[in-house]
Amino acid sequence: MPADHDPRRPEVVVYTRAGCGLCRRAEELVAREAGRADVRHVDVDTAEALIVAFGVRVPVVVVDDVEVAELQLAPGTVRRAVRAARRARRSRPLGPPPPAT
């Protein structure tokens, strides 16, 4: 997670590449649906490890480390995933776990 990410907000990562029409459409849909989540865009062609990991499998959308879409992004997918991430964050205990006894 980047240093400027607010840990109270879900993080949406959109893996794309330049010149990809599906990627452009996914970025537009994420912009409309992400709400108050932190959104980060990653060009997979900027690092060899990303090229190997994603190949031609872009766009890929990840919400709080859970892949929610690849290649085609249906309307409502990001909105539902962000809501689920918010619910999961609310159900997590705050602070470090209690010491073992």
PDB file of N, CA and C in Angstrom:
ATOM      1  N   MET A   1       0.833  -1.178   0.000  1.00  0.00           N
ATOM      2  CA  MET A   1       0.000   0.000   0.000  1.00  0.00           C
ATOM      3  C   MET A   1       0.880   1.244   0.000  1.00  0.00           C
ATOM      4  N   PRO A   2       0.505   2.226  -0.786  1.00  0.00           N
ATOM      5  CA  PRO A   2       1.316   3.433  -0.812  1.00  0.00           C
ATOM      6  C   PRO A   2       1.237   4.196   0.500  1.00  0.00           C
ATOM      7  N   ALA A   3       2.254   5.000   0.753  1.00  0.00           N
ATOM      8  CA  ALA A   3       2.334   5.749   2.006  1.00  0.00           C
ATOM      9  C   ALA A   3       1.178   6.723   2.171  1.00  0.00           C
ATOM     10  N   ASP A   4       0.629   7.243   1.076  1.00  0.00           N
ATOM     11  CA  ASP A   4      -0.444   8.221   1.187  1.00  0.00           C
ATOM     12  C   ASP A   4      -1.834   7.579   1.272  1.00  0.00           C
ATOM     13  N   HIS A   5      -1.905   6.262   1.352  1.00  0.00           N
ATOM     14  CA  HIS A   5      -3.192   5.569   1.455  1.00  0.00           C
ATOM     15  C   HIS A   5      -3.747   5.717   2.871  1.00  0.00           C
ATOM     16  N   ASP A   6      -5.001   6.125   2.966  1.00  0.00           N
ATOM     17  CA  ASP A   6      -5.687   6.229   4.247  1.00  0.00           C
ATOM     18  C   ASP A   6      -6.153   4.827   4.644  1.00  0.00           C
ATOM     19  N   PRO A   7      -5.618   4.252   5.711  1.00  0.00           N
ATOM     20  CA  PRO A   7      -5.949   2.865   6.067  1.00  0.00           C
ATOM     21  C   PRO A   7      -7.412   2.661   6.442  1.00  0.00           C
ATOM     22  N   ARG A   8      -8.157   3.736   6.638  1.00  0.00           N
ATOM     23  CA  ARG A   8      -9.583   3.608   6.952  1.00  0.00           C
ATOM     24  C   ARG A   8     -10.438   3.456   5.698  1.00  0.00           C
ATOM     25  N   ARG A   9      -9.832   3.694   4.537  1.00  0.00           N
ATOM     26  CA  ARG A   9     -10.571   3.639   3.280  1.00  0.00           C
ATOM     27  C   ARG A   9     -10.145   2.434   2.455  1.00  0.00           C
ATOM     28  N   PRO A  10     -11.089   1.778   1.777  1.00  0.00           N
ATOM     29  CA  PRO A  10     -10.700   0.695   0.867  1.00  0.00           C
ATOM     30  C   PRO A  10      -9.773   1.216  -0.222  1.00  0.00           C
ATOM     31  N   GLU A  11      -8.921   0.351  -0.709  1.00  0.00           N
ATOM     32  CA  GLU A  11      -8.025   0.718  -1.798  1.00  0.00           C
ATOM     33  C   GLU A  11      -8.415  -0.055  -3.057  1.00  0.00           C
ATOM     34  N   VAL A  12      -8.597   0.669  -4.147  1.00  0.00           N
ATOM     35  CA  VAL A  12      -8.891   0.077  -5.442  1.00  0.00           C
ATOM     36  C   VAL A  12      -7.655   0.270  -6.310  1.00  0.00           C
ATOM     37  N   VAL A  13      -7.144  -0.832  -6.869  1.00  0.00           N
ATOM     38  CA  VAL A  13      -5.992  -0.757  -7.765  1.00  0.00           C
ATOM     39  C   VAL A  13      -6.453  -1.243  -9.137  1.00  0.00           C
ATOM     40  N   VAL A  14      -6.172  -0.436 -10.160  1.00  0.00           N
ATOM     41  CA  VAL A  14      -6.542  -0.771 -11.527  1.00  0.00           C
ATOM     42  C   VAL A  14      -5.251  -1.006 -12.303  1.00  0.00           C
ATOM     43  N   TYR A  15      -5.030  -2.251 -12.716  1.00  0.00           N
ATOM     44  CA  TYR A  15      -3.849  -2.613 -13.501  1.00  0.00           C
ATOM     45  C   TYR A  15      -4.218  -2.490 -14.975  1.00  0.00           C
ATOM     46  N   THR A  16      -3.470  -1.653 -15.709  1.00  0.00           N
ATOM     47  CA  THR A  16      -3.792  -1.347 -17.102  1.00  0.00           C
ATOM     48  C   THR A  16      -2.513  -1.287 -17.930  1.00  0.00           C
ATOM     49  N   ARG A  17      -2.703  -0.959 -19.204  1.00  0.00           N
ATOM     50  CA  ARG A  17      -1.563  -0.627 -20.068  1.00  0.00           C
ATOM     51  C   ARG A  17      -2.012   0.433 -21.060  1.00  0.00           C
ATOM     52  N   ALA A  18      -1.063   1.202 -21.537  1.00  0.00           N
ATOM     53  CA  ALA A  18      -1.351   2.282 -22.488  1.00  0.00           C
ATOM     54  C   ALA A  18      -1.933   1.706 -23.775  1.00  0.00           C
ATOM     55  N   GLY A  19      -2.893   2.428 -24.344  1.00  0.00           N
ATOM     56  CA  GLY A  19      -3.461   2.025 -25.618  1.00  0.00           C
ATOM     57  C   GLY A  19      -4.503   0.930 -25.526  1.00  0.00           C
ATOM     58  N   CYS A  20      -4.926   0.581 -24.347  1.00  0.00           N
ATOM     59  CA  CYS A  20      -5.887  -0.510 -24.140  1.00  0.00           C
ATOM     60  C   CYS A  20      -7.284   0.094 -23.962  1.00  0.00           C
ATOM     61  N   GLY A  21      -8.159  -0.175 -24.913  1.00  0.00           N
ATOM     62  CA  GLY A  21      -9.515   0.362 -24.844  1.00  0.00           C
ATOM     63  C   GLY A  21     -10.304  -0.185 -23.672  1.00  0.00           C
ATOM     64  N   LEU A  22     -10.185  -1.481 -23.389  1.00  0.00           N
ATOM     65  CA  LEU A  22     -10.870  -2.055 -22.223  1.00  0.00           C
ATOM     66  C   LEU A  22     -10.372  -1.410 -20.935  1.00  0.00           C
ATOM     67  N   CYS A  23      -9.073  -1.118 -20.890  1.00  0.00           N
ATOM     68  CA  CYS A  23      -8.488  -0.486 -19.704  1.00  0.00           C
ATOM     69  C   CYS A  23      -9.063   0.916 -19.503  1.00  0.00           C
ATOM     70  N   ARG A  24      -9.169   1.668 -20.576  1.00  0.00           N
ATOM     71  CA  ARG A  24      -9.717   3.020 -20.488  1.00  0.00           C
ATOM     72  C   ARG A  24     -11.151   2.970 -19.971  1.00  0.00           C
ATOM     73  N   ARG A  25     -11.946   2.049 -20.488  1.00  0.00           N
ATOM     74  CA  ARG A  25     -13.335   1.927 -20.024  1.00  0.00           C
ATOM     75  C   ARG A  25     -13.385   1.511 -18.558  1.00  0.00           C
ATOM     76  N   ALA A  26     -12.498   0.606 -18.160  1.00  0.00           N
ATOM     77  CA  ALA A  26     -12.459   0.180 -16.752  1.00  0.00           C
ATOM     78  C   ALA A  26     -12.090   1.356 -15.852  1.00  0.00           C
ATOM     79  N   GLU A  27     -11.110   2.159 -16.261  1.00  0.00           N
ATOM     80  CA  GLU A  27     -10.718   3.325 -15.464  1.00  0.00           C
ATOM     81  C   GLU A  27     -11.882   4.300 -15.305  1.00  0.00           C
ATOM     82  N   GLU A  28     -12.645   4.500 -16.358  1.00  0.00           N
ATOM     83  CA  GLU A  28     -13.801   5.403 -16.287  1.00  0.00           C
ATOM     84  C   GLU A  28     -14.859   4.852 -15.334  1.00  0.00           C
ATOM     85  N   LEU A  29     -15.122   3.553 -15.414  1.00  0.00           N
ATOM     86  CA  LEU A  29     -16.115   2.940 -14.540  1.00  0.00           C
ATOM     87  C   LEU A  29     -15.665   2.977 -13.083  1.00  0.00           C
ATOM     88  N   VAL A  30     -14.393   2.709 -12.843  1.00  0.00           N
ATOM     89  CA  VAL A  30     -13.862   2.775 -11.475  1.00  0.00           C
ATOM     90  C   VAL A  30     -13.999   4.199 -10.938  1.00  0.00           C
ATOM     91  N   ALA A  31     -13.689   5.187 -11.745  1.00  0.00           N
ATOM     92  CA  ALA A  31     -13.805   6.581 -11.304  1.00  0.00           C
ATOM     93  C   ALA A  31     -15.235   6.906 -10.875  1.00  0.00           C
ATOM     94  N   ARG A  32     -16.220   6.351 -11.572  1.00  0.00           N
ATOM     95  CA  ARG A  32     -17.619   6.606 -11.225  1.00  0.00           C
ATOM     96  C   ARG A  32     -18.071   5.816  -9.999  1.00  0.00           C
ATOM     97  N   GLU A  33     -17.529   4.611  -9.803  1.00  0.00           N
ATOM     98  CA  GLU A  33     -18.074   3.711  -8.789  1.00  0.00           C
ATOM     99  C   GLU A  33     -17.274   3.604  -7.497  1.00  0.00           C
ATOM    100  N   ALA A  34     -16.056   4.086  -7.468  1.00  0.00           N
ATOM    101  CA  ALA A  34     -15.193   3.852  -6.302  1.00  0.00           C
ATOM    102  C   ALA A  34     -15.605   4.648  -5.077  1.00  0.00           C
ATOM    103  N   GLY A  35     -16.391   5.685  -5.261  1.00  0.00           N
ATOM    104  CA  GLY A  35     -16.833   6.477  -4.111  1.00  0.00           C
ATOM    105  C   GLY A  35     -15.653   7.070  -3.372  1.00  0.00           C
ATOM    106  N   ARG A  36     -15.638   6.868  -2.059  1.00  0.00           N
ATOM    107  CA  ARG A  36     -14.571   7.443  -1.237  1.00  0.00           C
ATOM    108  C   ARG A  36     -13.421   6.483  -1.018  1.00  0.00           C
ATOM    109  N   ALA A  37     -13.262   5.503  -1.868  1.00  0.00           N
ATOM    110  CA  ALA A  37     -12.103   4.607  -1.794  1.00  0.00           C
ATOM    111  C   ALA A  37     -10.893   5.311  -2.403  1.00  0.00           C
ATOM    112  N   ASP A  38      -9.709   4.891  -1.992  1.00  0.00           N
ATOM    113  CA  ASP A  38      -8.488   5.388  -2.618  1.00  0.00           C
ATOM    114  C   ASP A  38      -8.265   4.578  -3.892  1.00  0.00           C
ATOM    115  N   VAL A  39      -8.069   5.255  -5.012  1.00  0.00           N
ATOM    116  CA  VAL A  39      -7.880   4.586  -6.293  1.00  0.00           C
ATOM    117  C   VAL A  39      -6.451   4.807  -6.763  1.00  0.00           C
ATOM    118  N   ARG A  40      -5.829   3.718  -7.190  1.00  0.00           N
ATOM    119  CA  ARG A  40      -4.463   3.782  -7.709  1.00  0.00           C
ATOM    120  C   ARG A  40      -4.439   3.080  -9.060  1.00  0.00           C
ATOM    121  N   HIS A  41      -3.750   3.679 -10.031  1.00  0.00           N
ATOM    122  CA  HIS A  41      -3.624   3.101 -11.371  1.00  0.00           C
ATOM    123  C   HIS A  41      -2.189   2.630 -11.549  1.00  0.00           C
ATOM    124  N   VAL A  42      -2.034   1.416 -12.061  1.00  0.00           N
ATOM    125  CA  VAL A  42      -0.707   0.843 -12.265  1.00  0.00           C
ATOM    126  C   VAL A  42      -0.594   0.397 -13.715  1.00  0.00           C
ATOM    127  N   ASP A  43       0.382   0.940 -14.422  1.00  0.00           N
ATOM    128  CA  ASP A  43       0.666   0.519 -15.792  1.00  0.00           C
ATOM    129  C   ASP A  43       1.536  -0.732 -15.711  1.00  0.00           C
ATOM    130  N   VAL A  44       1.002  -1.856 -16.175  1.00  0.00           N
ATOM    131  CA  VAL A  44       1.727  -3.124 -16.029  1.00  0.00           C
ATOM    132  C   VAL A  44       2.991  -3.172 -16.871  1.00  0.00           C
ATOM    133  N   ASP A  45       3.117  -2.286 -17.844  1.00  0.00           N
ATOM    134  CA  ASP A  45       4.308  -2.288 -18.693  1.00  0.00           C
ATOM    135  C   ASP A  45       5.484  -1.533 -18.083  1.00  0.00           C
ATOM    136  N   THR A  46       5.347  -1.088 -16.828  1.00  0.00           N
ATOM    137  CA  THR A  46       6.431  -0.322 -16.202  1.00  0.00           C
ATOM    138  C   THR A  46       7.415  -1.197 -15.443  1.00  0.00           C
ATOM    139  N   ALA A  47       7.114  -2.477 -15.283  1.00  0.00           N
ATOM    140  CA  ALA A  47       8.023  -3.361 -14.548  1.00  0.00           C
ATOM    141  C   ALA A  47       7.911  -4.780 -15.091  1.00  0.00           C
ATOM    142  N   GLU A  48       9.037  -5.423 -15.254  1.00  0.00           N
ATOM    143  CA  GLU A  48       9.071  -6.790 -15.791  1.00  0.00           C
ATOM    144  C   GLU A  48       8.195  -7.742 -14.972  1.00  0.00           C
ATOM    145  N   ALA A  49       8.212  -7.599 -13.648  1.00  0.00           N
ATOM    146  CA  ALA A  49       7.409  -8.489 -12.797  1.00  0.00           C
ATOM    147  C   ALA A  49       5.918  -8.323 -13.080  1.00  0.00           C
ATOM    148  N   LEU A  50       5.483  -7.091 -13.348  1.00  0.00           N
ATOM    149  CA  LEU A  50       4.082  -6.850 -13.675  1.00  0.00           C
ATOM    150  C   LEU A  50       3.728  -7.412 -15.047  1.00  0.00           C
ATOM    151  N   ILE A  51       4.640  -7.284 -15.998  1.00  0.00           N
ATOM    152  CA  ILE A  51       4.411  -7.838 -17.338  1.00  0.00           C
ATOM    153  C   ILE A  51       4.234  -9.347 -17.234  1.00  0.00           C
ATOM    154  N   VAL A  52       5.082  -9.999 -16.457  1.00  0.00           N
ATOM    155  CA  VAL A  52       4.987 -11.449 -16.266  1.00  0.00           C
ATOM    156  C   VAL A  52       3.698 -11.817 -15.539  1.00  0.00           C
ATOM    157  N   ALA A  53       3.362 -11.060 -14.497  1.00  0.00           N
ATOM    158  CA  ALA A  53       2.186 -11.388 -13.688  1.00  0.00           C
ATOM    159  C   ALA A  53       0.879 -11.190 -14.457  1.00  0.00           C
ATOM    160  N   PHE A  54       0.810 -10.173 -15.296  1.00  0.00           N
ATOM    161  CA  PHE A  54      -0.457  -9.846 -15.943  1.00  0.00           C
ATOM    162  C   PHE A  54      -0.518 -10.194 -17.415  1.00  0.00           C
ATOM    163  N   GLY A  55       0.620 -10.221 -18.100  1.00  0.00           N
ATOM    164  CA  GLY A  55       0.613 -10.536 -19.525  1.00  0.00           C
ATOM    165  C   GLY A  55      -0.408  -9.699 -20.265  1.00  0.00           C
ATOM    166  N   VAL A  56      -1.346 -10.358 -20.954  1.00  0.00           N
ATOM    167  CA  VAL A  56      -2.391  -9.649 -21.691  1.00  0.00           C
ATOM    168  C   VAL A  56      -3.692  -9.594 -20.889  1.00  0.00           C
ATOM    169  N   ARG A  57      -3.640  -9.989 -19.644  1.00  0.00           N
ATOM    170  CA  ARG A  57      -4.821 -10.100 -18.779  1.00  0.00           C
ATOM    171  C   ARG A  57      -5.138  -8.767 -18.108  1.00  0.00           C
ATOM    172  N   VAL A  58      -5.328  -7.720 -18.898  1.00  0.00           N
ATOM    173  CA  VAL A  58      -5.675  -6.412 -18.355  1.00  0.00           C
ATOM    174  C   VAL A  58      -6.929  -5.909 -19.040  1.00  0.00           C
ATOM    175  N   PRO A  59      -7.702  -5.080 -18.418  1.00  0.00           N
ATOM    176  CA  PRO A  59      -7.512  -4.538 -17.079  1.00  0.00           C
ATOM    177  C   PRO A  59      -7.824  -5.570 -15.997  1.00  0.00           C
ATOM    178  N   VAL A  60      -7.182  -5.374 -14.862  1.00  0.00           N
ATOM    179  CA  VAL A  60      -7.478  -6.144 -13.656  1.00  0.00           C
ATOM    180  C   VAL A  60      -7.793  -5.126 -12.562  1.00  0.00           C
ATOM    181  N   VAL A  61      -8.884  -5.351 -11.838  1.00  0.00           N
ATOM    182  CA  VAL A  61      -9.287  -4.452 -10.761  1.00  0.00           C
ATOM    183  C   VAL A  61      -9.233  -5.222  -9.452  1.00  0.00           C
ATOM    184  N   VAL A  62      -8.540  -4.637  -8.475  1.00  0.00           N
ATOM    185  CA  VAL A  62      -8.348  -5.260  -7.169  1.00  0.00           C
ATOM    186  C   VAL A  62      -8.865  -4.294  -6.102  1.00  0.00           C
ATOM    187  N   VAL A  63      -9.681  -4.808  -5.185  1.00  0.00           N
ATOM    188  CA  VAL A  63     -10.187  -4.001  -4.080  1.00  0.00           C
ATOM    189  C   VAL A  63      -9.714  -4.639  -2.786  1.00  0.00           C
ATOM    190  N   ASP A  64      -8.919  -3.892  -2.022  1.00  0.00           N
ATOM    191  CA  ASP A  64      -8.343  -4.400  -0.768  1.00  0.00           C
ATOM    192  C   ASP A  64      -7.741  -5.791  -0.952  1.00  0.00           C
ATOM    193  N   ASP A  65      -6.872  -5.909  -1.944  1.00  0.00           N
ATOM    194  CA  ASP A  65      -6.117  -7.136  -2.228  1.00  0.00           C
ATOM    195  C   ASP A  65      -6.965  -8.295  -2.740  1.00  0.00           C
ATOM    196  N   VAL A  66      -8.205  -8.046  -3.122  1.00  0.00           N
ATOM    197  CA  VAL A  66      -9.066  -9.084  -3.685  1.00  0.00           C
ATOM    198  C   VAL A  66      -9.355  -8.720  -5.142  1.00  0.00           C
ATOM    199  N   GLU A  67      -8.967  -9.602  -6.062  1.00  0.00           N
ATOM    200  CA  GLU A  67      -9.231  -9.356  -7.474  1.00  0.00           C
ATOM    201  C   GLU A  67     -10.730  -9.486  -7.730  1.00  0.00           C
ATOM    202  N   VAL A  68     -11.329  -8.432  -8.248  1.00  0.00           N
ATOM    203  CA  VAL A  68     -12.778  -8.434  -8.475  1.00  0.00           C
ATOM    204  C   VAL A  68     -13.142  -8.480  -9.953  1.00  0.00           C
ATOM    205  N   ALA A  69     -12.201  -8.200 -10.838  1.00  0.00           N
ATOM    206  CA  ALA A  69     -12.508  -8.248 -12.271  1.00  0.00           C
ATOM    207  C   ALA A  69     -11.223  -8.322 -13.075  1.00  0.00           C
ATOM    208  N   GLU A  70     -11.347  -8.973 -14.236  1.00  0.00           N
ATOM    209  CA  GLU A  70     -10.272  -8.947 -15.215  1.00  0.00           C
ATOM    210  C   GLU A  70     -10.894  -8.913 -16.607  1.00  0.00           C
ATOM    211  N   LEU A  71     -10.234  -8.220 -17.492  1.00  0.00           N
ATOM    212  CA  LEU A  71     -10.659  -8.031 -18.881  1.00  0.00           C
ATOM    213  C   LEU A  71     -11.955  -7.241 -19.009  1.00  0.00           C
ATOM    214  N   GLN A  72     -13.055  -7.725 -18.514  1.00  0.00           N
ATOM    215  CA  GLN A  72     -14.335  -7.018 -18.596  1.00  0.00           C
ATOM    216  C   GLN A  72     -14.760  -6.601 -17.201  1.00  0.00           C
ATOM    217  N   LEU A  73     -15.166  -5.367 -17.058  1.00  0.00           N
ATOM    218  CA  LEU A  73     -15.639  -4.854 -15.774  1.00  0.00           C
ATOM    219  C   LEU A  73     -17.102  -4.483 -15.919  1.00  0.00           C
ATOM    220  N   ALA A  74     -17.956  -5.231 -15.251  1.00  0.00           N
ATOM    221  CA  ALA A  74     -19.394  -4.983 -15.337  1.00  0.00           C
ATOM    222  C   ALA A  74     -19.789  -3.832 -14.411  1.00  0.00           C
ATOM    223  N   PRO A  75     -20.739  -3.023 -14.830  1.00  0.00           N
ATOM    224  CA  PRO A  75     -21.228  -1.954 -13.952  1.00  0.00           C
ATOM    225  C   PRO A  75     -21.703  -2.537 -12.620  1.00  0.00           C
ATOM    226  N   GLY A  76     -21.383  -1.849 -11.547  1.00  0.00           N
ATOM    227  CA  GLY A  76     -21.776  -2.273 -10.206  1.00  0.00           C
ATOM    228  C   GLY A  76     -20.744  -3.112  -9.488  1.00  0.00           C
ATOM    229  N   THR A  77     -19.798  -3.706 -10.206  1.00  0.00           N
ATOM    230  CA  THR A  77     -18.804  -4.590  -9.592  1.00  0.00           C
ATOM    231  C   THR A  77     -17.958  -3.856  -8.566  1.00  0.00           C
ATOM    232  N   VAL A  78     -17.416  -2.713  -8.943  1.00  0.00           N
ATOM    233  CA  VAL A  78     -16.538  -1.965  -8.038  1.00  0.00           C
ATOM    234  C   VAL A  78     -17.340  -1.421  -6.857  1.00  0.00           C
ATOM    235  N   ARG A  79     -18.512  -0.902  -7.127  1.00  0.00           N
ATOM    236  CA  ARG A  79     -19.352  -0.365  -6.052  1.00  0.00           C
ATOM    237  C   ARG A  79     -19.633  -1.449  -5.001  1.00  0.00           C
ATOM    238  N   ARG A  80     -20.018  -2.647  -5.444  1.00  0.00           N
ATOM    239  CA  ARG A  80     -20.299  -3.742  -4.503  1.00  0.00           C
ATOM    240  C   ARG A  80     -19.039  -4.172  -3.757  1.00  0.00           C
ATOM    241  N   ALA A  81     -17.914  -4.234  -4.447  1.00  0.00           N
ATOM    242  CA  ALA A  81     -16.663  -4.656  -3.805  1.00  0.00           C
ATOM    243  C   ALA A  81     -16.202  -3.639  -2.767  1.00  0.00           C
ATOM    244  N   VAL A  82     -16.354  -2.348  -3.064  1.00  0.00           N
ATOM    245  CA  VAL A  82     -15.971  -1.307  -2.106  1.00  0.00           C
ATOM    246  C   VAL A  82     -16.869  -1.371  -0.876  1.00  0.00           C
ATOM    247  N   ARG A  83     -18.171  -1.558  -1.083  1.00  0.00           N
ATOM    248  CA  ARG A  83     -19.084  -1.699   0.068  1.00  0.00           C
ATOM    249  C   ARG A  83     -18.703  -2.901   0.923  1.00  0.00           C
ATOM    250  N   ALA A  84     -18.412  -4.021   0.290  1.00  0.00           N
ATOM    251  CA  ALA A  84     -18.011  -5.223   1.035  1.00  0.00           C
ATOM    252  C   ALA A  84     -16.717  -4.970   1.804  1.00  0.00           C
ATOM    253  N   ALA A  85     -15.777  -4.250   1.196  1.00  0.00           N
ATOM    254  CA  ALA A  85     -14.518  -3.931   1.873  1.00  0.00           C
ATOM    255  C   ALA A  85     -14.766  -3.034   3.078  1.00  0.00           C
ATOM    256  N   ARG A  86     -15.680  -2.086   2.940  1.00  0.00           N
ATOM    257  CA  ARG A  86     -16.011  -1.216   4.086  1.00  0.00           C
ATOM    258  C   ARG A  86     -16.625  -2.027   5.219  1.00  0.00           C
ATOM    259  N   ARG A  87     -17.553  -2.937   4.879  1.00  0.00           N
ATOM    260  CA  ARG A  87     -18.157  -3.789   5.916  1.00  0.00           C
ATOM    261  C   ARG A  87     -17.100  -4.646   6.608  1.00  0.00           C
ATOM    262  N   ALA A  88     -16.182  -5.196   5.833  1.00  0.00           N
ATOM    263  CA  ALA A  88     -15.121  -6.023   6.404  1.00  0.00           C
ATOM    264  C   ALA A  88     -14.232  -5.203   7.331  1.00  0.00           C
ATOM    265  N   ARG A  89     -13.957  -3.963   6.951  1.00  0.00           N
ATOM    266  CA  ARG A  89     -13.136  -3.097   7.802  1.00  0.00           C
ATOM    267  C   ARG A  89     -13.843  -2.780   9.110  1.00  0.00           C
ATOM    268  N   ARG A  90     -15.160  -2.572   9.062  1.00  0.00           N
ATOM    269  CA  ARG A  90     -15.905  -2.279  10.291  1.00  0.00           C
ATOM    270  C   ARG A  90     -15.938  -3.474  11.222  1.00  0.00           C
ATOM    271  N   SER A  91     -15.898  -4.678  10.684  1.00  0.00           N
ATOM    272  CA  SER A  91     -15.987  -5.861  11.538  1.00  0.00           C
ATOM    273  C   SER A  91     -14.635  -6.267  12.120  1.00  0.00           C
ATOM    274  N   ARG A  92     -13.543  -5.663  11.614  1.00  0.00           N
ATOM    275  CA  ARG A  92     -12.210  -5.969  12.150  1.00  0.00           C
ATOM    276  C   ARG A  92     -12.020  -5.271  13.484  1.00  0.00           C
ATOM    277  N   PRO A  93     -11.364  -5.939  14.424  1.00  0.00           N
ATOM    278  CA  PRO A  93     -11.059  -5.261  15.691  1.00  0.00           C
ATOM    279  C   PRO A  93     -10.034  -4.153  15.454  1.00  0.00           C
ATOM    280  N   LEU A  94     -10.159  -3.083  16.207  1.00  0.00           N
ATOM    281  CA  LEU A  94      -9.219  -1.981  16.108  1.00  0.00           C
ATOM    282  C   LEU A  94      -7.986  -2.264  16.941  1.00  0.00           C
ATOM    283  N   GLY A  95      -6.862  -1.826  16.465  1.00  0.00           N
ATOM    284  CA  GLY A  95      -5.614  -1.964  17.211  1.00  0.00           C
ATOM    285  C   GLY A  95      -5.028  -3.359  17.137  1.00  0.00           C
ATOM    286  N   PRO A  96      -3.913  -3.560  17.842  1.00  0.00           N
ATOM    287  CA  PRO A  96      -3.226  -4.864  17.791  1.00  0.00           C
ATOM    288  C   PRO A  96      -4.031  -5.898  18.572  1.00  0.00           C
ATOM    289  N   PRO A  97      -3.808  -7.178  18.249  1.00  0.00           N
ATOM    290  CA  PRO A  97      -4.520  -8.218  18.984  1.00  0.00           C
ATOM    291  C   PRO A  97      -4.083  -8.243  20.444  1.00  0.00           C
ATOM    292  N   PRO A  98      -4.930  -8.745  21.353  1.00  0.00           N
ATOM    293  CA  PRO A  98      -4.533  -8.800  22.752  1.00  0.00           C
ATOM    294  C   PRO A  98      -3.388  -9.783  22.945  1.00  0.00           C
ATOM    295  N   PRO A  99      -2.556  -9.565  23.961  1.00  0.00           N
ATOM    296  CA  PRO A  99      -1.428 -10.469  24.189  1.00  0.00           C
ATOM    297  C   PRO A  99      -1.928 -11.856  24.578  1.00  0.00           C
ATOM    298  N   ALA A 100      -1.184 -12.857  24.142  1.00  0.00           N
ATOM    299  CA  ALA A 100      -1.532 -14.243  24.486  1.00  0.00           C
ATOM    300  C   ALA A 100      -1.259 -14.465  25.968  1.00  0.00           C
ATOM    301  N   THR A 101      -2.121 -15.225  26.580  1.00  0.00           N
ATOM    302  CA  THR A 101      -1.929 -15.500  28.022  1.00  0.00           C
ATOM    303  C   THR A 101      -1.564 -16.931  28.265  1.00  0.00           C
TER     304      THR A 101
END
